[in-house]
Amino acid sequence: ALVAVAMSVLFWWLGTWQWGRHLERVERNDAIATALAQEPAPLATVVADPGEVPESAVYRSVTATGTYLAAEQMLQRNPRGRSGFAVVTPLVLTGGGTLWVDRGWVAASRTDINTPATDVAPPTGQVEVTVRVRSPQPSSGRQAPTGQVYDITPQSMGTSSGDDLPQPVYAGYGDLVEQAPVADPNLELPPPANIGMGPHLFYALQWWS
């Protein structure tokens, strides 16, 4: 009887914990939906301090003008668990500083899994971009080949050539939404945020049952 009571208390606590996770997901999704629905605004008005990524800025669409540094471009291996590469290119902003931009996904070559299947060089000259602001990804600590990374950590992931980027480097990065001149058709633009509810509500009901 004591074991049954103890297990019942434990299961109720686990259900309550999963319910809390569900409410956190609801709050997170509401914040993301609000950010995605807002009209694009200039980067500097949304992220005033390049060294920080305000919660209110995450997933906001912002506009910026600058020039891509093709020689410093990096490839993120298997982004979002998908085989291939995210092409991440530093954009030197017209007003000063550098913003890393995830320009999109490309499959790996069939003959060499460490290279993209197509040319992913960025356009030359000045570009105008609209990007969704993203926080830096947690570092997994894994080592990738030269010119590649596993995680997008703008202020610490270096460059393909090893050269320093124009300062300041924004702590966050941007998922490309639109670009002029037009974005590379060989790259699949980063998807919007995942606002699925996950299994937490089901798990809560399961534990309580």
N, C-alpha and C. Protein backbone atom coordinates (compact mmCIF):
# COMPACT_ATOMS: atom_id res chain seq x y z
N ALA A 1 0.83 -1.20 0.00
CA ALA A 1 0.00 0.00 0.00
C ALA A 1 0.87 1.26 0.00
N LEU A 2 1.95 1.25 0.78
CA LEU A 2 2.85 2.40 0.82
C LEU A 2 3.52 2.61 -0.54
N VAL A 3 3.92 1.50 -1.17
CA VAL A 3 4.54 1.61 -2.50
C VAL A 3 3.53 2.17 -3.50
N ALA A 4 2.28 1.70 -3.41
CA ALA A 4 1.25 2.19 -4.33
C ALA A 4 1.02 3.68 -4.15
N VAL A 5 0.96 4.13 -2.88
CA VAL A 5 0.77 5.55 -2.60
C VAL A 5 1.96 6.35 -3.12
N ALA A 6 3.19 5.85 -2.87
CA ALA A 6 4.39 6.55 -3.31
C ALA A 6 4.44 6.66 -4.83
N MET A 7 4.08 5.57 -5.51
CA MET A 7 4.09 5.60 -6.97
C MET A 7 3.02 6.55 -7.51
N SER A 8 1.87 6.60 -6.85
CA SER A 8 0.81 7.50 -7.28
C SER A 8 1.25 8.95 -7.15
N VAL A 9 1.91 9.28 -6.04
CA VAL A 9 2.43 10.64 -5.85
C VAL A 9 3.46 10.96 -6.92
N LEU A 10 4.36 10.01 -7.19
CA LEU A 10 5.38 10.21 -8.21
C LEU A 10 4.74 10.44 -9.58
N PHE A 11 3.76 9.62 -9.94
CA PHE A 11 3.12 9.76 -11.25
C PHE A 11 2.39 11.09 -11.35
N TRP A 12 1.74 11.51 -10.25
CA TRP A 12 1.07 12.81 -10.28
C TRP A 12 2.08 13.93 -10.49
N TRP A 13 3.23 13.83 -9.81
CA TRP A 13 4.27 14.85 -9.97
C TRP A 13 4.79 14.87 -11.40
N LEU A 14 5.00 13.68 -11.99
CA LEU A 14 5.49 13.61 -13.37
C LEU A 14 4.47 14.21 -14.34
N GLY A 15 3.19 13.97 -14.09
CA GLY A 15 2.17 14.57 -14.92
C GLY A 15 2.16 16.08 -14.81
N THR A 16 2.33 16.58 -13.57
CA THR A 16 2.38 18.02 -13.35
C THR A 16 3.59 18.64 -14.04
N TRP A 17 4.71 17.92 -13.99
CA TRP A 17 5.92 18.40 -14.67
C TRP A 17 5.70 18.49 -16.17
N GLN A 18 5.08 17.48 -16.77
CA GLN A 18 4.82 17.51 -18.21
C GLN A 18 3.80 18.60 -18.55
N TRP A 19 2.84 18.83 -17.68
CA TRP A 19 1.88 19.91 -17.90
C TRP A 19 2.60 21.26 -17.92
N GLY A 20 3.57 21.43 -17.01
CA GLY A 20 4.36 22.65 -17.01
C GLY A 20 5.14 22.82 -18.30
N ARG A 21 5.71 21.71 -18.81
CA ARG A 21 6.42 21.77 -20.09
C ARG A 21 5.46 22.17 -21.21
N HIS A 22 4.24 21.67 -21.15
CA HIS A 22 3.24 22.03 -22.17
C HIS A 22 2.93 23.52 -22.13
N LEU A 23 2.77 24.07 -20.93
CA LEU A 23 2.48 25.50 -20.81
C LEU A 23 3.66 26.34 -21.29
N GLU A 24 4.90 25.87 -21.03
CA GLU A 24 6.08 26.57 -21.54
C GLU A 24 6.07 26.59 -23.05
N ARG A 25 5.71 25.46 -23.67
CA ARG A 25 5.67 25.38 -25.13
C ARG A 25 4.60 26.32 -25.68
N VAL A 26 3.44 26.39 -25.01
CA VAL A 26 2.39 27.30 -25.45
C VAL A 26 2.89 28.74 -25.41
N GLU A 27 3.55 29.11 -24.31
CA GLU A 27 4.07 30.48 -24.17
C GLU A 27 5.13 30.76 -25.22
N ARG A 28 6.01 29.79 -25.45
CA ARG A 28 7.07 29.95 -26.46
C ARG A 28 6.46 30.13 -27.85
N ASN A 29 5.48 29.29 -28.18
CA ASN A 29 4.87 29.36 -29.50
C ASN A 29 4.13 30.68 -29.72
N ASP A 30 3.48 31.17 -28.66
CA ASP A 30 2.80 32.45 -28.77
C ASP A 30 3.80 33.57 -29.07
N ALA A 31 4.95 33.53 -28.38
CA ALA A 31 5.98 34.55 -28.59
C ALA A 31 6.54 34.47 -30.00
N ILE A 32 6.77 33.24 -30.50
CA ILE A 32 7.28 33.08 -31.86
C ILE A 32 6.27 33.56 -32.89
N ALA A 33 5.00 33.20 -32.69
CA ALA A 33 3.96 33.62 -33.63
C ALA A 33 3.85 35.14 -33.68
N THR A 34 3.96 35.77 -32.51
CA THR A 34 3.91 37.24 -32.46
C THR A 34 5.09 37.84 -33.22
N ALA A 35 6.29 37.26 -33.03
CA ALA A 35 7.49 37.78 -33.71
C ALA A 35 7.38 37.59 -35.22
N LEU A 36 6.91 36.42 -35.65
CA LEU A 36 6.82 36.15 -37.08
C LEU A 36 5.80 37.04 -37.77
N ALA A 37 4.79 37.47 -37.04
CA ALA A 37 3.72 38.26 -37.63
C ALA A 37 4.09 39.73 -37.81
N GLN A 38 5.15 40.19 -37.17
CA GLN A 38 5.52 41.59 -37.24
C GLN A 38 6.20 41.91 -38.57
N GLU A 39 6.00 43.13 -39.02
CA GLU A 39 6.61 43.58 -40.27
C GLU A 39 8.13 43.71 -40.10
N PRO A 40 8.90 43.45 -41.17
CA PRO A 40 10.35 43.61 -41.09
C PRO A 40 10.74 45.03 -40.68
N ALA A 41 11.78 45.12 -39.86
CA ALA A 41 12.29 46.41 -39.41
C ALA A 41 13.80 46.41 -39.56
N PRO A 42 14.44 47.58 -39.64
CA PRO A 42 15.90 47.62 -39.75
C PRO A 42 16.57 46.89 -38.58
N LEU A 43 17.64 46.18 -38.87
CA LEU A 43 18.35 45.39 -37.87
C LEU A 43 18.69 46.21 -36.63
N ALA A 44 19.23 47.40 -36.82
CA ALA A 44 19.70 48.20 -35.70
C ALA A 44 18.58 48.62 -34.76
N THR A 45 17.34 48.69 -35.27
CA THR A 45 16.24 49.08 -34.40
C THR A 45 15.71 47.92 -33.58
N VAL A 46 15.98 46.69 -34.03
CA VAL A 46 15.51 45.50 -33.32
C VAL A 46 16.58 44.95 -32.39
N VAL A 47 17.83 44.99 -32.84
CA VAL A 47 18.97 44.53 -32.03
C VAL A 47 19.90 45.71 -31.84
N ALA A 48 19.69 46.44 -30.76
CA ALA A 48 20.47 47.66 -30.53
C ALA A 48 21.90 47.36 -30.15
N ASP A 49 22.12 46.28 -29.40
CA ASP A 49 23.46 45.89 -28.95
C ASP A 49 23.86 44.62 -29.69
N PRO A 50 24.86 44.69 -30.59
CA PRO A 50 25.27 43.48 -31.33
C PRO A 50 25.71 42.33 -30.44
N GLY A 51 26.14 42.63 -29.23
CA GLY A 51 26.63 41.58 -28.34
C GLY A 51 25.55 40.78 -27.66
N GLU A 52 24.29 41.16 -27.83
CA GLU A 52 23.18 40.47 -27.18
C GLU A 52 22.07 40.19 -28.18
N VAL A 53 21.26 39.18 -27.85
CA VAL A 53 20.08 38.87 -28.67
C VAL A 53 18.86 38.98 -27.75
N PRO A 54 18.15 40.10 -27.77
CA PRO A 54 16.98 40.24 -26.90
C PRO A 54 15.93 39.18 -27.22
N GLU A 55 15.24 38.71 -26.18
CA GLU A 55 14.18 37.72 -26.39
C GLU A 55 13.15 38.24 -27.37
N SER A 56 12.87 39.54 -27.30
CA SER A 56 11.86 40.13 -28.18
C SER A 56 12.29 40.14 -29.64
N ALA A 57 13.60 39.94 -29.89
CA ALA A 57 14.11 40.00 -31.26
C ALA A 57 14.11 38.64 -31.94
N VAL A 58 14.09 37.56 -31.17
CA VAL A 58 14.21 36.22 -31.74
C VAL A 58 13.02 35.92 -32.65
N TYR A 59 13.31 35.53 -33.87
CA TYR A 59 12.36 35.23 -34.94
C TYR A 59 11.73 36.49 -35.55
N ARG A 60 12.17 37.68 -35.13
CA ARG A 60 11.72 38.89 -35.79
C ARG A 60 12.39 38.98 -37.16
N SER A 61 11.66 39.48 -38.14
CA SER A 61 12.25 39.72 -39.46
C SER A 61 12.87 41.11 -39.47
N VAL A 62 14.13 41.18 -39.89
CA VAL A 62 14.84 42.45 -39.94
C VAL A 62 15.47 42.60 -41.32
N THR A 63 15.74 43.84 -41.68
CA THR A 63 16.37 44.12 -42.96
C THR A 63 17.79 44.64 -42.74
N ALA A 64 18.66 44.37 -43.68
CA ALA A 64 20.04 44.84 -43.61
C ALA A 64 20.62 44.93 -45.01
N THR A 65 21.64 45.76 -45.14
CA THR A 65 22.35 45.93 -46.41
C THR A 65 23.83 45.72 -46.17
N GLY A 66 24.49 45.04 -47.09
CA GLY A 66 25.93 44.81 -46.92
C GLY A 66 26.51 44.01 -48.05
N THR A 67 27.69 43.46 -47.80
CA THR A 67 28.42 42.68 -48.80
C THR A 67 28.86 41.36 -48.19
N TYR A 68 28.58 40.26 -48.87
CA TYR A 68 29.00 38.95 -48.39
C TYR A 68 30.51 38.77 -48.52
N LEU A 69 31.11 38.12 -47.53
CA LEU A 69 32.53 37.74 -47.61
C LEU A 69 32.61 36.28 -48.02
N ALA A 70 32.75 36.04 -49.32
CA ALA A 70 32.73 34.68 -49.84
C ALA A 70 33.86 33.84 -49.28
N ALA A 71 35.03 34.44 -49.10
CA ALA A 71 36.20 33.68 -48.65
C ALA A 71 36.05 33.19 -47.22
N GLU A 72 35.15 33.80 -46.44
CA GLU A 72 35.01 33.44 -45.03
C GLU A 72 33.81 32.54 -44.77
N GLN A 73 33.11 32.16 -45.82
CA GLN A 73 31.90 31.36 -45.70
C GLN A 73 32.16 30.03 -44.99
N MET A 74 31.18 29.58 -44.19
CA MET A 74 31.28 28.31 -43.48
C MET A 74 30.10 27.43 -43.86
N LEU A 75 30.30 26.13 -43.72
CA LEU A 75 29.24 25.15 -43.97
C LEU A 75 28.89 24.47 -42.65
N GLN A 76 27.62 24.51 -42.28
CA GLN A 76 27.18 23.79 -41.09
C GLN A 76 26.76 22.38 -41.50
N ARG A 77 27.36 21.40 -40.88
CA ARG A 77 27.09 20.01 -41.23
C ARG A 77 25.75 19.55 -40.63
N ASN A 78 24.98 18.87 -41.45
CA ASN A 78 23.73 18.23 -41.02
C ASN A 78 22.85 19.14 -40.16
N PRO A 79 22.47 20.30 -40.68
CA PRO A 79 21.63 21.20 -39.89
C PRO A 79 20.26 20.60 -39.60
N ARG A 80 19.78 20.80 -38.39
CA ARG A 80 18.46 20.29 -37.97
C ARG A 80 18.36 18.79 -38.20
N GLY A 81 19.51 18.10 -38.11
CA GLY A 81 19.52 16.65 -38.27
C GLY A 81 19.34 16.19 -39.71
N ARG A 82 19.46 17.08 -40.65
CA ARG A 82 19.25 16.74 -42.06
C ARG A 82 20.59 16.63 -42.78
N SER A 83 20.78 15.56 -43.50
CA SER A 83 22.04 15.33 -44.20
C SER A 83 22.27 16.42 -45.24
N GLY A 84 23.46 17.00 -45.22
CA GLY A 84 23.80 18.09 -46.12
C GLY A 84 24.41 19.24 -45.36
N PHE A 85 24.28 20.44 -45.89
CA PHE A 85 24.92 21.61 -45.28
C PHE A 85 24.00 22.82 -45.29
N ALA A 86 24.11 23.61 -44.22
CA ALA A 86 23.56 24.97 -44.23
C ALA A 86 24.72 25.89 -44.60
N VAL A 87 24.50 26.75 -45.55
CA VAL A 87 25.55 27.66 -46.04
C VAL A 87 25.45 28.95 -45.23
N VAL A 88 26.47 29.20 -44.41
CA VAL A 88 26.45 30.33 -43.47
C VAL A 88 27.54 31.31 -43.89
N THR A 89 27.13 32.51 -44.26
CA THR A 89 28.04 33.49 -44.86
C THR A 89 28.03 34.78 -44.06
N PRO A 90 29.22 35.34 -43.75
CA PRO A 90 29.24 36.63 -43.05
C PRO A 90 28.87 37.77 -43.99
N LEU A 91 27.97 38.62 -43.51
CA LEU A 91 27.54 39.79 -44.26
C LEU A 91 28.13 41.02 -43.57
N VAL A 92 29.04 41.70 -44.27
CA VAL A 92 29.62 42.94 -43.72
C VAL A 92 28.61 44.05 -43.96
N LEU A 93 28.09 44.59 -42.88
CA LEU A 93 27.00 45.56 -42.97
C LEU A 93 27.49 46.92 -43.42
N THR A 94 26.65 47.60 -44.18
CA THR A 94 26.99 48.92 -44.68
C THR A 94 27.27 49.89 -43.53
N GLY A 95 26.53 49.75 -42.44
CA GLY A 95 26.72 50.64 -41.30
C GLY A 95 27.81 50.20 -40.35
N GLY A 96 28.51 49.11 -40.66
CA GLY A 96 29.57 48.61 -39.79
C GLY A 96 29.16 47.34 -39.07
N GLY A 97 30.12 46.45 -38.86
CA GLY A 97 29.86 45.19 -38.17
C GLY A 97 29.58 44.06 -39.14
N THR A 98 29.40 42.87 -38.58
CA THR A 98 29.20 41.67 -39.38
C THR A 98 28.04 40.86 -38.81
N LEU A 99 27.18 40.40 -39.70
CA LEU A 99 26.07 39.52 -39.33
C LEU A 99 26.20 38.23 -40.14
N TRP A 100 26.27 37.09 -39.43
CA TRP A 100 26.28 35.81 -40.12
C TRP A 100 24.87 35.50 -40.62
N VAL A 101 24.78 35.02 -41.85
CA VAL A 101 23.49 34.74 -42.47
C VAL A 101 23.45 33.28 -42.94
N ASP A 102 22.45 32.55 -42.46
CA ASP A 102 22.21 31.20 -42.97
C ASP A 102 21.44 31.35 -44.27
N ARG A 103 22.15 31.17 -45.39
CA ARG A 103 21.56 31.43 -46.71
C ARG A 103 20.72 30.27 -47.22
N GLY A 104 20.79 29.11 -46.56
CA GLY A 104 19.96 28.00 -46.98
C GLY A 104 20.69 26.67 -46.97
N TRP A 105 19.94 25.61 -47.27
CA TRP A 105 20.45 24.24 -47.21
C TRP A 105 20.78 23.73 -48.61
N VAL A 106 21.84 22.90 -48.66
CA VAL A 106 22.22 22.24 -49.91
C VAL A 106 22.64 20.81 -49.59
N ALA A 107 22.34 19.91 -50.47
CA ALA A 107 22.72 18.51 -50.27
C ALA A 107 24.23 18.34 -50.44
N ALA A 108 24.73 17.26 -49.87
CA ALA A 108 26.14 16.92 -50.04
C ALA A 108 26.36 16.28 -51.41
N SER A 109 27.56 16.42 -51.92
CA SER A 109 27.90 15.81 -53.20
C SER A 109 27.84 14.29 -53.09
N ARG A 110 27.43 13.65 -54.15
CA ARG A 110 27.38 12.18 -54.15
C ARG A 110 28.77 11.56 -54.21
N THR A 111 29.75 12.33 -54.66
CA THR A 111 31.11 11.81 -54.78
C THR A 111 31.99 12.19 -53.59
N ASP A 112 31.59 13.22 -52.84
CA ASP A 112 32.37 13.66 -51.68
C ASP A 112 31.41 14.25 -50.65
N ILE A 113 31.18 13.51 -49.58
CA ILE A 113 30.18 13.93 -48.59
C ILE A 113 30.61 15.18 -47.82
N ASN A 114 31.85 15.62 -48.00
CA ASN A 114 32.34 16.81 -47.29
C ASN A 114 32.23 18.08 -48.13
N THR A 115 31.62 17.98 -49.31
CA THR A 115 31.46 19.16 -50.17
C THR A 115 30.01 19.26 -50.63
N PRO A 116 29.53 20.48 -50.90
CA PRO A 116 28.16 20.65 -51.39
C PRO A 116 27.99 20.07 -52.79
N ALA A 117 26.74 19.75 -53.12
CA ALA A 117 26.46 19.17 -54.43
C ALA A 117 26.55 20.21 -55.54
N THR A 118 26.39 21.50 -55.20
CA THR A 118 26.43 22.55 -56.21
C THR A 118 27.28 23.72 -55.70
N ASP A 119 27.55 24.65 -56.59
CA ASP A 119 28.28 25.85 -56.21
C ASP A 119 27.41 26.69 -55.27
N VAL A 120 27.98 27.12 -54.15
CA VAL A 120 27.21 27.88 -53.16
C VAL A 120 27.85 29.24 -52.89
N ALA A 121 28.63 29.74 -53.85
CA ALA A 121 29.25 31.05 -53.68
C ALA A 121 28.18 32.13 -53.58
N PRO A 122 28.34 33.08 -52.67
CA PRO A 122 27.34 34.16 -52.54
C PRO A 122 27.48 35.16 -53.67
N PRO A 123 26.47 35.99 -53.87
CA PRO A 123 26.57 37.03 -54.90
C PRO A 123 27.61 38.07 -54.52
N THR A 124 28.21 38.68 -55.51
CA THR A 124 29.19 39.74 -55.26
C THR A 124 28.47 41.09 -55.21
N GLY A 125 29.13 42.05 -54.62
CA GLY A 125 28.55 43.38 -54.55
C GLY A 125 27.54 43.51 -53.43
N GLN A 126 26.90 44.65 -53.38
CA GLN A 126 25.98 44.94 -52.28
C GLN A 126 24.68 44.16 -52.43
N VAL A 127 24.19 43.67 -51.31
CA VAL A 127 22.91 42.95 -51.30
C VAL A 127 22.03 43.55 -50.21
N GLU A 128 20.73 43.41 -50.41
CA GLU A 128 19.76 43.76 -49.39
C GLU A 128 19.07 42.48 -48.95
N VAL A 129 19.04 42.23 -47.65
CA VAL A 129 18.48 40.98 -47.16
C VAL A 129 17.40 41.24 -46.12
N THR A 130 16.48 40.31 -46.05
CA THR A 130 15.54 40.21 -44.93
C THR A 130 15.80 38.87 -44.26
N VAL A 131 16.07 38.90 -42.98
CA VAL A 131 16.40 37.68 -42.25
C VAL A 131 15.58 37.60 -40.97
N ARG A 132 15.41 36.36 -40.47
CA ARG A 132 14.82 36.16 -39.16
C ARG A 132 15.94 36.06 -38.13
N VAL A 133 15.85 36.86 -37.09
CA VAL A 133 16.89 36.87 -36.06
C VAL A 133 16.85 35.56 -35.28
N ARG A 134 18.02 34.95 -35.10
CA ARG A 134 18.13 33.71 -34.34
C ARG A 134 19.19 33.85 -33.26
N SER A 135 18.97 33.18 -32.15
CA SER A 135 19.98 33.14 -31.09
C SER A 135 21.09 32.17 -31.49
N PRO A 136 22.31 32.35 -30.96
CA PRO A 136 23.37 31.39 -31.27
C PRO A 136 22.99 30.00 -30.78
N GLN A 137 23.40 29.00 -31.52
CA GLN A 137 23.08 27.62 -31.14
C GLN A 137 24.02 27.15 -30.03
N PRO A 138 23.53 26.29 -29.14
CA PRO A 138 24.41 25.74 -28.11
C PRO A 138 25.56 24.97 -28.76
N SER A 139 26.76 25.14 -28.23
CA SER A 139 27.92 24.46 -28.80
C SER A 139 27.95 23.01 -28.36
N SER A 140 28.09 22.11 -29.33
CA SER A 140 28.18 20.67 -29.02
C SER A 140 29.61 20.25 -28.72
N GLY A 141 30.58 21.13 -29.05
CA GLY A 141 31.98 20.81 -28.81
C GLY A 141 32.60 19.89 -29.86
N ARG A 142 31.83 19.50 -30.86
CA ARG A 142 32.36 18.60 -31.89
C ARG A 142 33.24 19.37 -32.87
N GLN A 143 34.28 18.70 -33.35
CA GLN A 143 35.21 19.31 -34.29
C GLN A 143 34.84 18.93 -35.72
N ALA A 144 34.71 19.92 -36.57
CA ALA A 144 34.37 19.70 -37.97
C ALA A 144 35.59 19.97 -38.84
N PRO A 145 35.59 19.50 -40.09
CA PRO A 145 36.70 19.81 -41.01
C PRO A 145 36.84 21.32 -41.21
N THR A 146 38.00 21.73 -41.69
CA THR A 146 38.25 23.15 -41.94
C THR A 146 37.18 23.73 -42.87
N GLY A 147 36.67 24.89 -42.48
CA GLY A 147 35.64 25.54 -43.28
C GLY A 147 34.24 25.07 -42.96
N GLN A 148 34.11 24.20 -41.93
CA GLN A 148 32.80 23.68 -41.57
C GLN A 148 32.61 23.75 -40.06
N VAL A 149 31.35 23.72 -39.63
CA VAL A 149 31.01 23.74 -38.21
C VAL A 149 29.82 22.83 -37.99
N TYR A 150 29.61 22.45 -36.74
CA TYR A 150 28.40 21.72 -36.38
C TYR A 150 27.34 22.65 -35.79
N ASP A 151 27.79 23.78 -35.23
CA ASP A 151 26.87 24.69 -34.57
C ASP A 151 27.16 26.12 -35.02
N ILE A 152 26.11 26.92 -35.15
CA ILE A 152 26.28 28.31 -35.53
C ILE A 152 26.41 29.14 -34.27
N THR A 153 27.66 29.49 -33.96
CA THR A 153 27.98 30.31 -32.78
C THR A 153 28.78 31.51 -33.29
N PRO A 154 28.11 32.54 -33.77
CA PRO A 154 28.74 33.61 -34.55
C PRO A 154 30.00 34.21 -33.96
N GLN A 155 30.05 34.43 -32.66
CA GLN A 155 31.18 35.14 -32.09
C GLN A 155 32.37 34.24 -31.75
N SER A 156 32.23 32.93 -32.00
CA SER A 156 33.34 32.04 -31.66
C SER A 156 33.64 30.98 -32.70
N MET A 157 32.93 30.94 -33.81
CA MET A 157 33.14 29.83 -34.73
C MET A 157 34.20 30.09 -35.79
N GLY A 158 34.79 31.28 -35.83
CA GLY A 158 35.88 31.52 -36.76
C GLY A 158 35.40 31.69 -38.18
N THR A 159 36.35 31.62 -39.12
CA THR A 159 36.05 31.77 -40.54
C THR A 159 36.82 30.72 -41.32
N SER A 160 36.49 30.59 -42.60
CA SER A 160 37.18 29.60 -43.44
C SER A 160 38.67 29.92 -43.57
N SER A 161 39.01 31.21 -43.67
CA SER A 161 40.41 31.60 -43.86
C SER A 161 41.14 31.83 -42.54
N GLY A 162 40.38 31.93 -41.45
CA GLY A 162 41.00 32.23 -40.16
C GLY A 162 41.16 33.72 -39.91
N ASP A 163 40.81 34.55 -40.89
CA ASP A 163 40.93 36.01 -40.72
C ASP A 163 39.82 36.53 -39.81
N ASP A 164 40.10 37.65 -39.15
CA ASP A 164 39.10 38.28 -38.30
C ASP A 164 38.07 39.00 -39.15
N LEU A 165 36.85 39.03 -38.67
CA LEU A 165 35.77 39.71 -39.36
C LEU A 165 35.66 41.15 -38.87
N PRO A 166 35.12 42.05 -39.69
CA PRO A 166 34.89 43.42 -39.23
C PRO A 166 34.02 43.43 -37.98
N GLN A 167 34.46 44.16 -37.00
CA GLN A 167 33.76 44.23 -35.72
C GLN A 167 32.73 45.34 -35.70
N PRO A 168 31.70 45.21 -34.87
CA PRO A 168 31.40 44.06 -34.01
C PRO A 168 30.72 42.94 -34.80
N VAL A 169 30.91 41.71 -34.33
CA VAL A 169 30.21 40.56 -34.90
C VAL A 169 28.96 40.32 -34.05
N TYR A 170 27.82 40.28 -34.69
CA TYR A 170 26.57 40.09 -33.95
C TYR A 170 26.56 38.72 -33.27
N ALA A 171 26.06 38.70 -32.03
CA ALA A 171 26.00 37.45 -31.27
C ALA A 171 25.00 36.48 -31.89
N GLY A 172 23.92 37.02 -32.44
CA GLY A 172 22.96 36.18 -33.12
C GLY A 172 23.27 36.08 -34.61
N TYR A 173 22.45 35.35 -35.31
CA TYR A 173 22.62 35.25 -36.76
C TYR A 173 21.24 35.38 -37.41
N GLY A 174 21.19 35.33 -38.72
CA GLY A 174 19.92 35.49 -39.42
C GLY A 174 19.63 34.35 -40.37
N ASP A 175 18.39 33.88 -40.35
CA ASP A 175 17.92 32.93 -41.36
C ASP A 175 17.38 33.74 -42.54
N LEU A 176 17.94 33.51 -43.71
CA LEU A 176 17.55 34.30 -44.87
C LEU A 176 16.09 34.06 -45.25
N VAL A 177 15.36 35.16 -45.46
CA VAL A 177 13.97 35.12 -45.91
C VAL A 177 13.87 35.60 -47.35
N GLU A 178 14.46 36.77 -47.62
CA GLU A 178 14.47 37.34 -48.96
C GLU A 178 15.81 38.02 -49.20
N GLN A 179 16.13 38.16 -50.47
CA GLN A 179 17.40 38.81 -50.82
C GLN A 179 17.27 39.48 -52.18
N ALA A 180 17.92 40.64 -52.31
CA ALA A 180 18.02 41.32 -53.60
C ALA A 180 19.49 41.69 -53.81
N PRO A 181 20.13 41.17 -54.89
CA PRO A 181 19.53 40.33 -55.93
C PRO A 181 19.01 39.01 -55.37
N VAL A 182 18.19 38.35 -56.18
CA VAL A 182 17.45 37.18 -55.73
C VAL A 182 18.38 36.12 -55.13
N ALA A 183 17.86 35.38 -54.13
CA ALA A 183 18.64 34.35 -53.46
C ALA A 183 18.98 33.20 -54.41
N ASP A 184 20.04 32.49 -54.09
CA ASP A 184 20.51 31.37 -54.91
C ASP A 184 19.43 30.29 -55.00
N PRO A 185 18.95 29.96 -56.20
CA PRO A 185 17.90 28.94 -56.33
C PRO A 185 18.38 27.54 -55.96
N ASN A 186 19.70 27.34 -55.90
CA ASN A 186 20.24 26.02 -55.51
C ASN A 186 20.17 25.79 -54.01
N LEU A 187 19.86 26.85 -53.25
CA LEU A 187 19.78 26.73 -51.81
C LEU A 187 18.32 26.75 -51.35
N GLU A 188 17.98 25.84 -50.47
CA GLU A 188 16.64 25.78 -49.90
C GLU A 188 16.61 26.68 -48.67
N LEU A 189 15.80 27.73 -48.72
CA LEU A 189 15.78 28.71 -47.63
C LEU A 189 15.46 28.05 -46.30
N PRO A 190 16.04 28.57 -45.20
CA PRO A 190 15.75 28.00 -43.88
C PRO A 190 14.26 28.03 -43.59
N PRO A 191 13.73 26.97 -42.98
CA PRO A 191 12.29 26.95 -42.69
C PRO A 191 11.95 27.87 -41.53
N PRO A 192 10.69 28.33 -41.46
CA PRO A 192 10.25 29.10 -40.30
C PRO A 192 10.36 28.25 -39.03
N ALA A 193 10.10 28.88 -37.91
CA ALA A 193 10.22 28.19 -36.62
C ALA A 193 9.23 27.03 -36.52
N ASN A 194 9.65 25.99 -35.81
CA ASN A 194 8.76 24.88 -35.52
C ASN A 194 7.90 25.25 -34.32
N ILE A 195 6.59 25.41 -34.55
CA ILE A 195 5.72 25.78 -33.43
C ILE A 195 4.75 24.64 -33.10
N GLY A 196 5.24 23.41 -33.32
CA GLY A 196 4.46 22.26 -32.91
C GLY A 196 4.34 22.20 -31.39
N MET A 197 3.29 21.57 -30.90
CA MET A 197 3.05 21.51 -29.46
C MET A 197 3.84 20.42 -28.77
N GLY A 198 4.33 19.44 -29.52
CA GLY A 198 5.09 18.38 -28.88
C GLY A 198 4.17 17.43 -28.11
N PRO A 199 4.75 16.43 -27.42
CA PRO A 199 3.95 15.40 -26.77
C PRO A 199 3.63 15.67 -25.30
N HIS A 200 3.96 16.86 -24.79
CA HIS A 200 3.90 17.06 -23.34
C HIS A 200 2.49 16.92 -22.77
N LEU A 201 1.47 17.44 -23.46
CA LEU A 201 0.11 17.33 -22.96
C LEU A 201 -0.31 15.86 -22.89
N PHE A 202 0.01 15.11 -23.93
CA PHE A 202 -0.31 13.68 -23.94
C PHE A 202 0.40 12.96 -22.80
N TYR A 203 1.67 13.28 -22.58
CA TYR A 203 2.42 12.65 -21.49
C TYR A 203 1.81 12.98 -20.13
N ALA A 204 1.38 14.23 -19.96
CA ALA A 204 0.77 14.61 -18.68
C ALA A 204 -0.48 13.77 -18.42
N LEU A 205 -1.34 13.67 -19.44
CA LEU A 205 -2.55 12.88 -19.28
C LEU A 205 -2.22 11.40 -19.03
N GLN A 206 -1.17 10.93 -19.68
CA GLN A 206 -0.76 9.54 -19.51
C GLN A 206 -0.30 9.27 -18.07
N TRP A 207 0.54 10.15 -17.54
CA TRP A 207 1.01 9.96 -16.16
C TRP A 207 -0.15 10.04 -15.17
N TRP A 208 -1.03 11.01 -15.37
CA TRP A 208 -2.14 11.16 -14.44
C TRP A 208 -3.08 9.95 -14.52
N SER A 209 -3.30 9.44 -15.72
CA SER A 209 -4.15 8.25 -15.86
C SER A 209 -3.52 7.06 -15.14
